[in-house]
Amino acid sequence: MSLIFANAGEENIIKKIGGKQEVKQHLANLGFTVGGTVTVIAEMAGDIIVKVKESRIAISKEMAQKIII
């Protein structure tokens, strides 16, 4: 299931990251790696705020759809 369907406050394990190589690299630079954990904090104005590796990051819904949990 895509990250956009995750419940707020629930910790999830990243199973796959889709998209072009540039997108995968950008997400990896932000801390999104297969096997890592991600927690949705909130959804605001079309963006999703997530916690990855003790950091809070806002990503667009388009990017969140590429992250499979």
PDB file of N, CA and C in Angstrom:
ATOM      1  N   MET A   1       0.851  -1.169   0.000  1.00  0.00           N
ATOM      2  CA  MET A   1       0.000   0.000   0.000  1.00  0.00           C
ATOM      3  C   MET A   1       0.899   1.236   0.000  1.00  0.00           C
ATOM      4  N   SER A   2       0.416   2.286  -0.586  1.00  0.00           N
ATOM      5  CA  SER A   2       1.171   3.527  -0.690  1.00  0.00           C
ATOM      6  C   SER A   2       1.161   4.280   0.642  1.00  0.00           C
ATOM      7  N   LEU A   3       2.176   5.096   0.838  1.00  0.00           N
ATOM      8  CA  LEU A   3       2.312   5.863   2.079  1.00  0.00           C
ATOM      9  C   LEU A   3       1.131   6.805   2.299  1.00  0.00           C
ATOM     10  N   ILE A   4       0.475   7.250   1.236  1.00  0.00           N
ATOM     11  CA  ILE A   4      -0.640   8.195   1.409  1.00  0.00           C
ATOM     12  C   ILE A   4      -1.831   7.563   2.128  1.00  0.00           C
ATOM     13  N   PHE A   5      -1.871   6.237   2.204  1.00  0.00           N
ATOM     14  CA  PHE A   5      -2.966   5.553   2.888  1.00  0.00           C
ATOM     15  C   PHE A   5      -2.628   5.169   4.328  1.00  0.00           C
ATOM     16  N   ALA A   6      -1.437   5.513   4.792  1.00  0.00           N
ATOM     17  CA  ALA A   6      -1.028   5.168   6.152  1.00  0.00           C
ATOM     18  C   ALA A   6      -1.762   6.028   7.172  1.00  0.00           C
ATOM     19  N   ASN A   7      -2.024   5.457   8.319  1.00  0.00           N
ATOM     20  CA  ASN A   7      -2.665   6.187   9.409  1.00  0.00           C
ATOM     21  C   ASN A   7      -1.641   7.036  10.151  1.00  0.00           C
ATOM     22  N   ALA A   8      -2.051   8.228  10.554  1.00  0.00           N
ATOM     23  CA  ALA A   8      -1.162   9.116  11.302  1.00  0.00           C
ATOM     24  C   ALA A   8      -0.758   8.462  12.620  1.00  0.00           C
ATOM     25  N   GLY A   9       0.524   8.570  12.959  1.00  0.00           N
ATOM     26  CA  GLY A   9       1.033   8.032  14.202  1.00  0.00           C
ATOM     27  C   GLY A   9       1.444   6.575  14.145  1.00  0.00           C
ATOM     28  N   GLU A  10       1.189   5.919  13.041  1.00  0.00           N
ATOM     29  CA  GLU A  10       1.501   4.501  12.903  1.00  0.00           C
ATOM     30  C   GLU A  10       2.852   4.333  12.207  1.00  0.00           C
ATOM     31  N   GLU A  11       3.754   3.576  12.814  1.00  0.00           N
ATOM     32  CA  GLU A  11       5.072   3.350  12.221  1.00  0.00           C
ATOM     33  C   GLU A  11       4.978   2.246  11.173  1.00  0.00           C
ATOM     34  N   ASN A  12       5.531   2.509   9.994  1.00  0.00           N
ATOM     35  CA  ASN A  12       5.477   1.555   8.888  1.00  0.00           C
ATOM     36  C   ASN A  12       6.879   1.287   8.358  1.00  0.00           C
ATOM     37  N   ILE A  13       7.059   0.114   7.779  1.00  0.00           N
ATOM     38  CA  ILE A  13       8.343  -0.250   7.177  1.00  0.00           C
ATOM     39  C   ILE A  13       8.238  -0.045   5.668  1.00  0.00           C
ATOM     40  N   ILE A  14       9.240   0.607   5.097  1.00  0.00           N
ATOM     41  CA  ILE A  14       9.266   0.860   3.655  1.00  0.00           C
ATOM     42  C   ILE A  14       9.646  -0.430   2.947  1.00  0.00           C
ATOM     43  N   LYS A  15       8.776  -0.885   2.021  1.00  0.00           N
ATOM     44  CA  LYS A  15       9.014  -2.128   1.300  1.00  0.00           C
ATOM     45  C   LYS A  15       9.579  -1.888  -0.089  1.00  0.00           C
ATOM     46  N   LYS A  16       9.213  -0.746  -0.705  1.00  0.00           N
ATOM     47  CA  LYS A  16       9.660  -0.476  -2.067  1.00  0.00           C
ATOM     48  C   LYS A  16       9.562   1.018  -2.330  1.00  0.00           C
ATOM     49  N   ILE A  17      10.456   1.509  -3.161  1.00  0.00           N
ATOM     50  CA  ILE A  17      10.391   2.904  -3.594  1.00  0.00           C
ATOM     51  C   ILE A  17      10.360   2.902  -5.114  1.00  0.00           C
ATOM     52  N   GLY A  18       9.307   3.454  -5.683  1.00  0.00           N
ATOM     53  CA  GLY A  18       9.132   3.462  -7.131  1.00  0.00           C
ATOM     54  C   GLY A  18       9.565   4.786  -7.742  1.00  0.00           C
ATOM     55  N   GLY A  19       9.367   4.891  -9.045  1.00  0.00           N
ATOM     56  CA  GLY A  19       9.694   6.121  -9.757  1.00  0.00           C
ATOM     57  C   GLY A  19      11.011   6.019 -10.504  1.00  0.00           C
ATOM     58  N   LYS A  20      11.366   7.124 -11.145  1.00  0.00           N
ATOM     59  CA  LYS A  20      12.616   7.193 -11.894  1.00  0.00           C
ATOM     60  C   LYS A  20      13.802   7.185 -10.939  1.00  0.00           C
ATOM     61  N   GLN A  21      14.977   6.921 -11.479  1.00  0.00           N
ATOM     62  CA  GLN A  21      16.188   6.848 -10.664  1.00  0.00           C
ATOM     63  C   GLN A  21      16.435   8.147  -9.910  1.00  0.00           C
ATOM     64  N   GLU A  22      16.152   9.297 -10.547  1.00  0.00           N
ATOM     65  CA  GLU A  22      16.368  10.589  -9.879  1.00  0.00           C
ATOM     66  C   GLU A  22      15.470  10.719  -8.652  1.00  0.00           C
ATOM     67  N   VAL A  23      14.235  10.252  -8.789  1.00  0.00           N
ATOM     68  CA  VAL A  23      13.281  10.314  -7.667  1.00  0.00           C
ATOM     69  C   VAL A  23      13.744   9.394  -6.542  1.00  0.00           C
ATOM     70  N   LYS A  24      14.158   8.190  -6.893  1.00  0.00           N
ATOM     71  CA  LYS A  24      14.640   7.240  -5.885  1.00  0.00           C
ATOM     72  C   LYS A  24      15.849   7.810  -5.144  1.00  0.00           C
ATOM     73  N   GLN A  25      16.763   8.431  -5.878  1.00  0.00           N
ATOM     74  CA  GLN A  25      17.952   9.003  -5.261  1.00  0.00           C
ATOM     75  C   GLN A  25      17.591  10.158  -4.339  1.00  0.00           C
ATOM     76  N   HIS A  26      16.658  11.010  -4.785  1.00  0.00           N
ATOM     77  CA  HIS A  26      16.227  12.143  -3.959  1.00  0.00           C
ATOM     78  C   HIS A  26      15.616  11.647  -2.650  1.00  0.00           C
ATOM     79  N   LEU A  27      14.749  10.644  -2.741  1.00  0.00           N
ATOM     80  CA  LEU A  27      14.127  10.095  -1.530  1.00  0.00           C
ATOM     81  C   LEU A  27      15.169   9.425  -0.633  1.00  0.00           C
ATOM     82  N   ALA A  28      16.140   8.751  -1.235  1.00  0.00           N
ATOM     83  CA  ALA A  28      17.203   8.128  -0.444  1.00  0.00           C
ATOM     84  C   ALA A  28      18.011   9.190   0.290  1.00  0.00           C
ATOM     85  N   ASN A  29      18.269  10.326  -0.374  1.00  0.00           N
ATOM     86  CA  ASN A  29      19.000  11.418   0.273  1.00  0.00           C
ATOM     87  C   ASN A  29      18.232  11.992   1.457  1.00  0.00           C
ATOM     88  N   LEU A  30      16.903  11.921   1.397  1.00  0.00           N
ATOM     89  CA  LEU A  30      16.067  12.404   2.497  1.00  0.00           C
ATOM     90  C   LEU A  30      15.964  11.380   3.633  1.00  0.00           C
ATOM     91  N   GLY A  31      16.400  10.139   3.387  1.00  0.00           N
ATOM     92  CA  GLY A  31      16.359   9.115   4.429  1.00  0.00           C
ATOM     93  C   GLY A  31      15.380   7.991   4.181  1.00  0.00           C
ATOM     94  N   PHE A  32      14.676   8.028   3.048  1.00  0.00           N
ATOM     95  CA  PHE A  32      13.711   6.979   2.725  1.00  0.00           C
ATOM     96  C   PHE A  32      14.456   5.815   2.078  1.00  0.00           C
ATOM     97  N   THR A  33      14.653   4.731   2.813  1.00  0.00           N
ATOM     98  CA  THR A  33      15.344   3.560   2.297  1.00  0.00           C
ATOM     99  C   THR A  33      14.511   2.317   2.555  1.00  0.00           C
ATOM    100  N   VAL A  34      14.625   1.344   1.660  1.00  0.00           N
ATOM    101  CA  VAL A  34      13.898   0.085   1.813  1.00  0.00           C
ATOM    102  C   VAL A  34      14.351  -0.578   3.117  1.00  0.00           C
ATOM    103  N   GLY A  35      13.381  -0.984   3.918  1.00  0.00           N
ATOM    104  CA  GLY A  35      13.658  -1.584   5.215  1.00  0.00           C
ATOM    105  C   GLY A  35      13.640  -0.582   6.353  1.00  0.00           C
ATOM    106  N   GLY A  36      13.677   0.701   6.022  1.00  0.00           N
ATOM    107  CA  GLY A  36      13.624   1.749   7.031  1.00  0.00           C
ATOM    108  C   GLY A  36      12.197   1.994   7.496  1.00  0.00           C
ATOM    109  N   THR A  37      12.058   2.742   8.564  1.00  0.00           N
ATOM    110  CA  THR A  37      10.720   3.036   9.075  1.00  0.00           C
ATOM    111  C   THR A  37      10.323   4.467   8.747  1.00  0.00           C
ATOM    112  N   VAL A  38       9.026   4.652   8.603  1.00  0.00           N
ATOM    113  CA  VAL A  38       8.459   5.968   8.317  1.00  0.00           C
ATOM    114  C   VAL A  38       7.139   6.076   9.077  1.00  0.00           C
ATOM    115  N   THR A  39       6.904   7.230   9.670  1.00  0.00           N
ATOM    116  CA  THR A  39       5.673   7.481  10.422  1.00  0.00           C
ATOM    117  C   THR A  39       5.023   8.740   9.890  1.00  0.00           C
ATOM    118  N   VAL A  40       3.748   8.658   9.516  1.00  0.00           N
ATOM    119  CA  VAL A  40       3.009   9.838   9.077  1.00  0.00           C
ATOM    120  C   VAL A  40       2.645  10.645  10.313  1.00  0.00           C
ATOM    121  N   ILE A  41       3.036  11.922  10.305  1.00  0.00           N
ATOM    122  CA  ILE A  41       2.722  12.804  11.433  1.00  0.00           C
ATOM    123  C   ILE A  41       1.399  13.533  11.171  1.00  0.00           C
ATOM    124  N   ALA A  42       1.277  14.128   9.976  1.00  0.00           N
ATOM    125  CA  ALA A  42       0.071  14.888   9.639  1.00  0.00           C
ATOM    126  C   ALA A  42      -0.018  15.084   8.137  1.00  0.00           C
ATOM    127  N   GLU A  43      -1.201  15.508   7.711  1.00  0.00           N
ATOM    128  CA  GLU A  43      -1.418  15.842   6.306  1.00  0.00           C
ATOM    129  C   GLU A  43      -1.930  17.276   6.259  1.00  0.00           C
ATOM    130  N   MET A  44      -1.217  18.110   5.494  1.00  0.00           N
ATOM    131  CA  MET A  44      -1.577  19.529   5.451  1.00  0.00           C
ATOM    132  C   MET A  44      -1.457  20.071   4.033  1.00  0.00           C
ATOM    133  N   ALA A  45      -2.504  20.677   3.533  1.00  0.00           N
ATOM    134  CA  ALA A  45      -2.510  21.387   2.242  1.00  0.00           C
ATOM    135  C   ALA A  45      -1.922  20.552   1.112  1.00  0.00           C
ATOM    136  N   GLY A  46      -2.265  19.291   1.058  1.00  0.00           N
ATOM    137  CA  GLY A  46      -1.794  18.438  -0.018  1.00  0.00           C
ATOM    138  C   GLY A  46      -0.431  17.822   0.206  1.00  0.00           C
ATOM    139  N   ASP A  47       0.252  18.200   1.268  1.00  0.00           N
ATOM    140  CA  ASP A  47       1.547  17.613   1.600  1.00  0.00           C
ATOM    141  C   ASP A  47       1.381  16.682   2.794  1.00  0.00           C
ATOM    142  N   ILE A  48       2.334  15.772   2.928  1.00  0.00           N
ATOM    143  CA  ILE A  48       2.317  14.837   4.047  1.00  0.00           C
ATOM    144  C   ILE A  48       3.583  15.066   4.865  1.00  0.00           C
ATOM    145  N   ILE A  49       3.416  15.228   6.155  1.00  0.00           N
ATOM    146  CA  ILE A  49       4.558  15.398   7.051  1.00  0.00           C
ATOM    147  C   ILE A  49       4.849  14.041   7.678  1.00  0.00           C
ATOM    148  N   VAL A  50       6.087  13.587   7.484  1.00  0.00           N
ATOM    149  CA  VAL A  50       6.472  12.266   7.972  1.00  0.00           C
ATOM    150  C   VAL A  50       7.713  12.363   8.846  1.00  0.00           C
ATOM    151  N   LYS A  51       7.895  11.337   9.663  1.00  0.00           N
ATOM    152  CA  LYS A  51       9.100  11.226  10.491  1.00  0.00           C
ATOM    153  C   LYS A  51       9.935  10.085   9.925  1.00  0.00           C
ATOM    154  N   VAL A  52      11.162  10.422   9.529  1.00  0.00           N
ATOM    155  CA  VAL A  52      12.099   9.442   8.995  1.00  0.00           C
ATOM    156  C   VAL A  52      13.441   9.663   9.676  1.00  0.00           C
ATOM    157  N   LYS A  53      13.983   8.619  10.282  1.00  0.00           N
ATOM    158  CA  LYS A  53      15.294   8.707  10.942  1.00  0.00           C
ATOM    159  C   LYS A  53      15.395   9.913  11.872  1.00  0.00           C
ATOM    160  N   GLU A  54      14.421  10.069  12.735  1.00  0.00           N
ATOM    161  CA  GLU A  54      14.386  11.144  13.741  1.00  0.00           C
ATOM    162  C   GLU A  54      14.279  12.545  13.152  1.00  0.00           C
ATOM    163  N   SER A  55      13.915  12.661  11.877  1.00  0.00           N
ATOM    164  CA  SER A  55      13.702  13.970  11.246  1.00  0.00           C
ATOM    165  C   SER A  55      12.277  14.056  10.738  1.00  0.00           C
ATOM    166  N   ARG A  56      11.730  15.261  10.778  1.00  0.00           N
ATOM    167  CA  ARG A  56      10.405  15.492  10.204  1.00  0.00           C
ATOM    168  C   ARG A  56      10.587  16.120   8.831  1.00  0.00           C
ATOM    169  N   ILE A  57       9.917  15.540   7.842  1.00  0.00           N
ATOM    170  CA  ILE A  57      10.051  15.978   6.455  1.00  0.00           C
ATOM    171  C   ILE A  57       8.668  16.104   5.851  1.00  0.00           C
ATOM    172  N   ALA A  58       8.451  17.164   5.066  1.00  0.00           N
ATOM    173  CA  ALA A  58       7.204  17.333   4.320  1.00  0.00           C
ATOM    174  C   ALA A  58       7.460  16.910   2.881  1.00  0.00           C
ATOM    175  N   ILE A  59       6.621  16.003   2.384  1.00  0.00           N
ATOM    176  CA  ILE A  59       6.728  15.585   0.996  1.00  0.00           C
ATOM    177  C   ILE A  59       5.364  15.712   0.333  1.00  0.00           C
ATOM    178  N   SER A  60       5.353  15.843  -0.976  1.00  0.00           N
ATOM    179  CA  SER A  60       4.097  15.965  -1.713  1.00  0.00           C
ATOM    180  C   SER A  60       3.407  14.602  -1.787  1.00  0.00           C
ATOM    181  N   LYS A  61       2.116  14.628  -2.082  1.00  0.00           N
ATOM    182  CA  LYS A  61       1.379  13.374  -2.225  1.00  0.00           C
ATOM    183  C   LYS A  61       1.932  12.556  -3.383  1.00  0.00           C
ATOM    184  N   GLU A  62       2.411  13.238  -4.439  1.00  0.00           N
ATOM    185  CA  GLU A  62       2.989  12.537  -5.585  1.00  0.00           C
ATOM    186  C   GLU A  62       4.213  11.725  -5.159  1.00  0.00           C
ATOM    187  N   MET A  63       5.063  12.328  -4.315  1.00  0.00           N
ATOM    188  CA  MET A  63       6.228  11.601  -3.819  1.00  0.00           C
ATOM    189  C   MET A  63       5.801  10.481  -2.885  1.00  0.00           C
ATOM    190  N   ALA A  64       4.827  10.748  -2.035  1.00  0.00           N
ATOM    191  CA  ALA A  64       4.359   9.741  -1.073  1.00  0.00           C
ATOM    192  C   ALA A  64       3.766   8.528  -1.785  1.00  0.00           C
ATOM    193  N   GLN A  65       3.176   8.727  -2.956  1.00  0.00           N
ATOM    194  CA  GLN A  65       2.596   7.608  -3.697  1.00  0.00           C
ATOM    195  C   GLN A  65       3.674   6.652  -4.188  1.00  0.00           C
ATOM    196  N   LYS A  66       4.894   7.106  -4.323  1.00  0.00           N
ATOM    197  CA  LYS A  66       5.996   6.281  -4.799  1.00  0.00           C
ATOM    198  C   LYS A  66       6.612   5.415  -3.700  1.00  0.00           C
ATOM    199  N   ILE A  67       6.222   5.700  -2.446  1.00  0.00           N
ATOM    200  CA  ILE A  67       6.758   4.969  -1.299  1.00  0.00           C
ATOM    201  C   ILE A  67       5.736   3.899  -0.905  1.00  0.00           C
ATOM    202  N   ILE A  68       6.132   2.633  -1.050  1.00  0.00           N
ATOM    203  CA  ILE A  68       5.248   1.520  -0.749  1.00  0.00           C
ATOM    204  C   ILE A  68       5.609   0.951   0.626  1.00  0.00           C
ATOM    205  N   ILE A  69       4.577   0.814   1.472  1.00  0.00           N
ATOM    206  CA  ILE A  69       4.782   0.300   2.833  1.00  0.00           C
ATOM    207  C   ILE A  69       4.080  -1.036   2.990  1.00  0.00           C
TER     208      ILE A  69
END
